[in-house]
């Protein structure tokens, strides 16, 4: 079995923080040139360019960072946002704590999967598979506590991790299980050729 962990790519890191005080979002939106449509969404949406993420600020002072491609991008975006708030005379802490909530990653088994056989082999109690509703199979792992979406193409979406190593462990876990069950046999994925 080839080690394809290097195919794991982080697509989104969601993290939370707090500036430990209530804020006037309407005034802050003008100062930051940020989006604030309270009828549609209760938070202010502040977009940073480098790294390119969305920082959501709520009137309670809670801050959520989404769209980052790495944990270091999260820290940089929150640090830069807090520094900007401090420049606007918001009494925010210099280095607020950052809590990683969810890492969403994608990976590729480089093999096609028969999702019907996979659903049965993995055990119906841990699997949700309704192809008429959604084209992927939802598999909940216990160790680590991660959810993996498997697609017939062999592509995976791994969600629920708080560290990249958990995404890698989930990938190794699913790859090992599928291999032991004989579901990764048959060589590399083949793509249909154009027929003329």
C-alpha atoms as a PDB file:
ATOM      1  CA  UNK A   1       0.000   0.000   0.000  1.00  0.00           C
ATOM      2  CA  UNK A   2       1.522   3.283  -1.115  1.00  0.00           C
ATOM      3  CA  UNK A   3       1.794   6.094   1.407  1.00  0.00           C
ATOM      4  CA  UNK A   4      -0.340   8.850  -0.061  1.00  0.00           C
ATOM      5  CA  UNK A   5      -0.504  11.086   3.043  1.00  0.00           C
ATOM      6  CA  UNK A   6       1.343  13.726   1.054  1.00  0.00           C
ATOM      7  CA  UNK A   7      -1.876  14.096  -0.955  1.00  0.00           C
ATOM      8  CA  UNK A   8      -3.516  15.734   2.104  1.00  0.00           C
ATOM      9  CA  UNK A   9      -4.167  19.434   1.527  1.00  0.00           C
ATOM     10  CA  UNK A  10      -5.648  21.746   4.135  1.00  0.00           C
ATOM     11  CA  UNK A  11      -8.548  23.656   2.601  1.00  0.00           C
ATOM     12  CA  UNK A  12      -9.905  25.588   5.580  1.00  0.00           C
ATOM     13  CA  UNK A  13      -8.927  26.208   9.187  1.00  0.00           C
ATOM     14  CA  UNK A  14     -11.614  27.637  11.479  1.00  0.00           C
ATOM     15  CA  UNK A  15     -10.500  29.157  14.783  1.00  0.00           C
ATOM     16  CA  UNK A  16     -11.994  31.288  17.520  1.00  0.00           C
ATOM     17  CA  UNK A  17     -10.657  33.984  19.797  1.00  0.00           C
ATOM     18  CA  UNK A  18     -11.958  36.926  21.799  1.00  0.00           C
ATOM     19  CA  UNK A  19     -11.080  40.552  22.405  1.00  0.00           C
ATOM     20  CA  UNK A  20     -12.720  40.287  25.854  1.00  0.00           C
ATOM     21  CA  UNK A  21     -15.165  43.171  25.492  1.00  0.00           C
ATOM     22  CA  UNK A  22     -18.351  44.169  23.718  1.00  0.00           C
ATOM     23  CA  UNK A  23     -17.946  46.251  20.570  1.00  0.00           C
ATOM     24  CA  UNK A  24     -20.142  48.586  18.513  1.00  0.00           C
ATOM     25  CA  UNK A  25     -20.154  46.698  15.217  1.00  0.00           C
ATOM     26  CA  UNK A  26     -21.791  49.482  13.193  1.00  0.00           C
ATOM     27  CA  UNK A  27     -19.052  51.985  14.110  1.00  0.00           C
ATOM     28  CA  UNK A  28     -16.351  49.353  13.751  1.00  0.00           C
ATOM     29  CA  UNK A  29     -17.594  48.368  10.271  1.00  0.00           C
ATOM     30  CA  UNK A  30     -17.115  51.940   9.067  1.00  0.00           C
ATOM     31  CA  UNK A  31     -13.645  52.222  10.609  1.00  0.00           C
ATOM     32  CA  UNK A  32     -12.521  48.858   9.162  1.00  0.00           C
ATOM     33  CA  UNK A  33     -14.353  49.225   5.841  1.00  0.00           C
ATOM     34  CA  UNK A  34     -15.903  45.834   6.617  1.00  0.00           C
ATOM     35  CA  UNK A  35     -19.210  44.167   5.756  1.00  0.00           C
ATOM     36  CA  UNK A  36     -21.971  44.467   8.338  1.00  0.00           C
ATOM     37  CA  UNK A  37     -25.502  43.417   7.436  1.00  0.00           C
ATOM     38  CA  UNK A  38     -27.104  42.547  10.799  1.00  0.00           C
ATOM     39  CA  UNK A  39     -30.395  41.437   9.187  1.00  0.00           C
ATOM     40  CA  UNK A  40     -28.526  38.750   7.231  1.00  0.00           C
ATOM     41  CA  UNK A  41     -25.706  37.881   9.663  1.00  0.00           C
ATOM     42  CA  UNK A  42     -25.141  39.069  13.251  1.00  0.00           C
ATOM     43  CA  UNK A  43     -21.400  39.573  12.880  1.00  0.00           C
ATOM     44  CA  UNK A  44     -19.091  41.941  11.090  1.00  0.00           C
ATOM     45  CA  UNK A  45     -17.092  40.373   8.229  1.00  0.00           C
ATOM     46  CA  UNK A  46     -13.573  41.753   7.969  1.00  0.00           C
ATOM     47  CA  UNK A  47     -11.534  40.376   5.070  1.00  0.00           C
ATOM     48  CA  UNK A  48      -7.759  40.375   5.233  1.00  0.00           C
ATOM     49  CA  UNK A  49      -5.611  40.210   2.120  1.00  0.00           C
ATOM     50  CA  UNK A  50      -2.446  38.548   3.349  1.00  0.00           C
ATOM     51  CA  UNK A  51      -3.351  35.931   4.414  1.00  0.00           C
ATOM     52  CA  UNK A  52      -6.651  35.909   2.548  1.00  0.00           C
ATOM     53  CA  UNK A  53      -9.202  35.035   5.246  1.00  0.00           C
ATOM     54  CA  UNK A  54     -12.470  36.267   6.706  1.00  0.00           C
ATOM     55  CA  UNK A  55     -12.407  37.418  10.322  1.00  0.00           C
ATOM     56  CA  UNK A  56     -15.882  37.505  11.853  1.00  0.00           C
ATOM     57  CA  UNK A  57     -16.286  39.864  14.790  1.00  0.00           C
ATOM     58  CA  UNK A  58     -19.385  39.683  16.996  1.00  0.00           C
ATOM     59  CA  UNK A  59     -20.739  42.357  19.347  1.00  0.00           C
ATOM     60  CA  UNK A  60     -19.823  40.138  22.323  1.00  0.00           C
ATOM     61  CA  UNK A  61     -16.156  40.472  21.338  1.00  0.00           C
ATOM     62  CA  UNK A  62     -15.934  36.914  20.035  1.00  0.00           C
ATOM     63  CA  UNK A  63     -13.768  36.575  16.923  1.00  0.00           C
ATOM     64  CA  UNK A  64     -13.893  33.715  14.405  1.00  0.00           C
ATOM     65  CA  UNK A  65     -11.343  33.266  11.641  1.00  0.00           C
ATOM     66  CA  UNK A  66     -12.306  31.173   8.617  1.00  0.00           C
ATOM     67  CA  UNK A  67     -10.842  30.471   5.196  1.00  0.00           C
ATOM     68  CA  UNK A  68      -7.232  30.078   6.313  1.00  0.00           C
ATOM     69  CA  UNK A  69      -5.067  27.432   4.640  1.00  0.00           C
ATOM     70  CA  UNK A  70      -2.875  26.849   7.692  1.00  0.00           C
ATOM     71  CA  UNK A  71      -2.767  27.325  11.447  1.00  0.00           C
ATOM     72  CA  UNK A  72       0.015  29.894  11.029  1.00  0.00           C
ATOM     73  CA  UNK A  73      -2.285  31.899   8.696  1.00  0.00           C
ATOM     74  CA  UNK A  74      -4.947  31.884  11.435  1.00  0.00           C
ATOM     75  CA  UNK A  75      -2.513  33.253  14.012  1.00  0.00           C
ATOM     76  CA  UNK A  76      -1.241  35.886  11.590  1.00  0.00           C
ATOM     77  CA  UNK A  77      -4.766  37.015  10.610  1.00  0.00           C
ATOM     78  CA  UNK A  78      -5.984  37.272  14.204  1.00  0.00           C
ATOM     79  CA  UNK A  79      -2.802  39.051  15.342  1.00  0.00           C
ATOM     80  CA  UNK A  80      -3.074  41.548  12.465  1.00  0.00           C
ATOM     81  CA  UNK A  81      -6.801  42.108  13.127  1.00  0.00           C
ATOM     82  CA  UNK A  82      -6.219  42.699  16.840  1.00  0.00           C
ATOM     83  CA  UNK A  83      -3.383  45.108  16.022  1.00  0.00           C
ATOM     84  CA  UNK A  84      -5.716  47.015  13.673  1.00  0.00           C
ATOM     85  CA  UNK A  85      -8.378  47.146  16.404  1.00  0.00           C
ATOM     86  CA  UNK A  86      -5.809  48.466  18.887  1.00  0.00           C
ATOM     87  CA  UNK A  87      -4.855  51.187  16.376  1.00  0.00           C
ATOM     88  CA  UNK A  88      -8.569  52.118  16.305  1.00  0.00           C
ATOM     89  CA  UNK A  89      -8.359  52.468  20.100  1.00  0.00           C
ATOM     90  CA  UNK A  90     -10.258  49.275  20.867  1.00  0.00           C
ATOM     91  CA  UNK A  91      -8.806  48.005  24.146  1.00  0.00           C
ATOM     92  CA  UNK A  92      -8.077  44.505  22.809  1.00  0.00           C
ATOM     93  CA  UNK A  93      -5.515  42.195  24.425  1.00  0.00           C
ATOM     94  CA  UNK A  94      -2.097  42.187  22.726  1.00  0.00           C
ATOM     95  CA  UNK A  95      -2.107  38.406  22.127  1.00  0.00           C
ATOM     96  CA  UNK A  96      -5.550  36.871  22.592  1.00  0.00           C
ATOM     97  CA  UNK A  97      -5.709  33.070  22.824  1.00  0.00           C
ATOM     98  CA  UNK A  98      -6.528  31.266  19.576  1.00  0.00           C
ATOM     99  CA  UNK A  99      -8.504  28.006  19.642  1.00  0.00           C
ATOM    100  CA  UNK A 100      -8.517  25.832  16.536  1.00  0.00           C
ATOM    101  CA  UNK A 101     -12.085  24.580  16.069  1.00  0.00           C
ATOM    102  CA  UNK A 102     -11.929  22.625  12.824  1.00  0.00           C
ATOM    103  CA  UNK A 103      -9.518  21.760  10.043  1.00  0.00           C
ATOM    104  CA  UNK A 104     -11.021  20.715   6.725  1.00  0.00           C
ATOM    105  CA  UNK A 105      -8.619  18.845   4.455  1.00  0.00           C
ATOM    106  CA  UNK A 106      -8.873  16.959   1.195  1.00  0.00           C
ATOM    107  CA  UNK A 107      -6.972  13.859   0.180  1.00  0.00           C
ATOM    108  CA  UNK A 108      -6.867  11.291  -2.591  1.00  0.00           C
ATOM    109  CA  UNK A 109      -6.634   7.501  -2.255  1.00  0.00           C
ATOM    110  CA  UNK A 110      -5.653   7.341  -5.949  1.00  0.00           C
ATOM    111  CA  UNK A 111      -8.087   4.466  -6.418  1.00  0.00           C
ATOM    112  CA  UNK A 112     -11.748   4.368  -7.372  1.00  0.00           C
ATOM    113  CA  UNK A 113     -14.107   3.150  -4.649  1.00  0.00           C
ATOM    114  CA  UNK A 114     -17.266   1.097  -4.857  1.00  0.00           C
ATOM    115  CA  UNK A 115     -19.252   3.061  -2.282  1.00  0.00           C
ATOM    116  CA  UNK A 116     -21.968   0.397  -1.919  1.00  0.00           C
ATOM    117  CA  UNK A 117     -19.370  -2.226  -0.975  1.00  0.00           C
ATOM    118  CA  UNK A 118     -17.530   0.292   1.197  1.00  0.00           C
ATOM    119  CA  UNK A 119     -20.680   1.190   3.154  1.00  0.00           C
ATOM    120  CA  UNK A 120     -21.376  -2.476   3.927  1.00  0.00           C
ATOM    121  CA  UNK A 121     -17.745  -3.331   4.745  1.00  0.00           C
ATOM    122  CA  UNK A 122     -17.213  -0.377   7.099  1.00  0.00           C
ATOM    123  CA  UNK A 123     -20.389  -1.174   9.014  1.00  0.00           C
ATOM    124  CA  UNK A 124     -23.701   0.546   8.554  1.00  0.00           C
ATOM    125  CA  UNK A 125     -23.701   1.881  12.145  1.00  0.00           C
ATOM    126  CA  UNK A 126     -20.714   4.157  11.394  1.00  0.00           C
ATOM    127  CA  UNK A 127     -21.717   5.094   7.842  1.00  0.00           C
ATOM    128  CA  UNK A 128     -24.311   7.306   6.190  1.00  0.00           C
ATOM    129  CA  UNK A 129     -24.750   6.608   2.511  1.00  0.00           C
ATOM    130  CA  UNK A 130     -27.760   7.783   0.560  1.00  0.00           C
ATOM    131  CA  UNK A 131     -26.584   8.275  -3.037  1.00  0.00           C
ATOM    132  CA  UNK A 132     -29.915   9.791  -4.089  1.00  0.00           C
ATOM    133  CA  UNK A 133     -29.388  12.559  -1.507  1.00  0.00           C
ATOM    134  CA  UNK A 134     -25.600  13.056  -1.598  1.00  0.00           C
ATOM    135  CA  UNK A 135     -22.949  11.471  -3.861  1.00  0.00           C
ATOM    136  CA  UNK A 136     -20.524  10.721  -1.035  1.00  0.00           C
ATOM    137  CA  UNK A 137     -20.357   8.312   1.853  1.00  0.00           C
ATOM    138  CA  UNK A 138     -20.108   9.846   5.335  1.00  0.00           C
ATOM    139  CA  UNK A 139     -17.910   7.794   7.690  1.00  0.00           C
ATOM    140  CA  UNK A 140     -17.399   8.708  11.340  1.00  0.00           C
ATOM    141  CA  UNK A 141     -14.162   7.453  12.844  1.00  0.00           C
ATOM    142  CA  UNK A 142     -13.729   6.882  16.568  1.00  0.00           C
ATOM    143  CA  UNK A 143      -9.944   7.204  16.647  1.00  0.00           C
ATOM    144  CA  UNK A 144      -9.338   9.990  15.930  1.00  0.00           C
ATOM    145  CA  UNK A 145     -12.843  11.499  16.316  1.00  0.00           C
ATOM    146  CA  UNK A 146     -13.053  12.690  12.713  1.00  0.00           C
ATOM    147  CA  UNK A 147     -15.636  12.598   9.910  1.00  0.00           C
ATOM    148  CA  UNK A 148     -14.501  11.519   6.455  1.00  0.00           C
ATOM    149  CA  UNK A 149     -16.504  11.988   3.265  1.00  0.00           C
ATOM    150  CA  UNK A 150     -15.533   9.357   0.688  1.00  0.00           C
ATOM    151  CA  UNK A 151     -16.359   9.682  -3.003  1.00  0.00           C
ATOM    152  CA  UNK A 152     -16.350   7.069  -5.756  1.00  0.00           C
ATOM    153  CA  UNK A 153     -13.395   8.836  -7.387  1.00  0.00           C
ATOM    154  CA  UNK A 154     -11.272   7.973  -4.347  1.00  0.00           C
ATOM    155  CA  UNK A 155     -11.197  11.572  -3.162  1.00  0.00           C
ATOM    156  CA  UNK A 156     -11.788  12.299   0.525  1.00  0.00           C
ATOM    157  CA  UNK A 157     -12.803  15.284   2.625  1.00  0.00           C
ATOM    158  CA  UNK A 158     -11.554  15.036   6.220  1.00  0.00           C
ATOM    159  CA  UNK A 159     -13.218  17.281   8.783  1.00  0.00           C
ATOM    160  CA  UNK A 160     -13.243  17.714  12.537  1.00  0.00           C
ATOM    161  CA  UNK A 161      -9.500  17.754  13.211  1.00  0.00           C
ATOM    162  CA  UNK A 162      -7.861  20.330  15.425  1.00  0.00           C
ATOM    163  CA  UNK A 163      -4.313  19.482  14.278  1.00  0.00           C
ATOM    164  CA  UNK A 164      -3.006  18.451  10.869  1.00  0.00           C
ATOM    165  CA  UNK A 165      -1.634  15.280  12.474  1.00  0.00           C
ATOM    166  CA  UNK A 166      -5.230  14.226  13.281  1.00  0.00           C
ATOM    167  CA  UNK A 167      -6.167  14.597   9.596  1.00  0.00           C
ATOM    168  CA  UNK A 168      -3.145  12.478   8.670  1.00  0.00           C
ATOM    169  CA  UNK A 169      -4.062   9.838  11.289  1.00  0.00           C
ATOM    170  CA  UNK A 170      -7.640   9.706   9.963  1.00  0.00           C
ATOM    171  CA  UNK A 171      -6.332   9.287   6.409  1.00  0.00           C
ATOM    172  CA  UNK A 172      -3.980   6.485   7.464  1.00  0.00           C
ATOM    173  CA  UNK A 173      -6.806   4.846   9.442  1.00  0.00           C
ATOM    174  CA  UNK A 174      -9.270   4.853   6.527  1.00  0.00           C
ATOM    175  CA  UNK A 175      -6.603   3.807   4.018  1.00  0.00           C
ATOM    176  CA  UNK A 176      -5.577   0.864   6.256  1.00  0.00           C
ATOM    177  CA  UNK A 177      -9.171  -0.230   6.832  1.00  0.00           C
ATOM    178  CA  UNK A 178     -10.056  -0.094   3.130  1.00  0.00           C
ATOM    179  CA  UNK A 179      -6.895  -1.995   2.222  1.00  0.00           C
ATOM    180  CA  UNK A 180      -7.561  -4.746   4.820  1.00  0.00           C
ATOM    181  CA  UNK A 181     -11.096  -5.072   3.484  1.00  0.00           C
ATOM    182  CA  UNK A 182      -9.763  -5.485  -0.065  1.00  0.00           C
ATOM    183  CA  UNK A 183     -11.483  -2.308  -1.259  1.00  0.00           C
ATOM    184  CA  UNK A 184      -8.322  -0.613  -2.594  1.00  0.00           C
ATOM    185  CA  UNK A 185      -7.371  -3.413  -4.954  1.00  0.00           C
ATOM    186  CA  UNK A 186      -7.315  -2.980  -8.699  1.00  0.00           C
ATOM    187  CA  UNK A 187      -4.499  -0.525  -9.280  1.00  0.00           C
ATOM    188  CA  UNK A 188      -4.569   3.162 -10.012  1.00  0.00           C
ATOM    189  CA  UNK A 189      -7.730   4.998 -10.898  1.00  0.00           C
ATOM    190  CA  UNK A 190      -8.508   4.882 -14.594  1.00  0.00           C
ATOM    191  CA  UNK A 191     -10.132   7.746 -16.466  1.00  0.00           C
ATOM    192  CA  UNK A 192     -12.347   7.062 -19.470  1.00  0.00           C
ATOM    193  CA  UNK A 193     -10.863   7.891 -22.830  1.00  0.00           C
ATOM    194  CA  UNK A 194     -12.743  10.098 -25.266  1.00  0.00           C
ATOM    195  CA  UNK A 195     -14.610   7.939 -27.727  1.00  0.00           C
ATOM    196  CA  UNK A 196     -14.980   9.357 -31.237  1.00  0.00           C
END
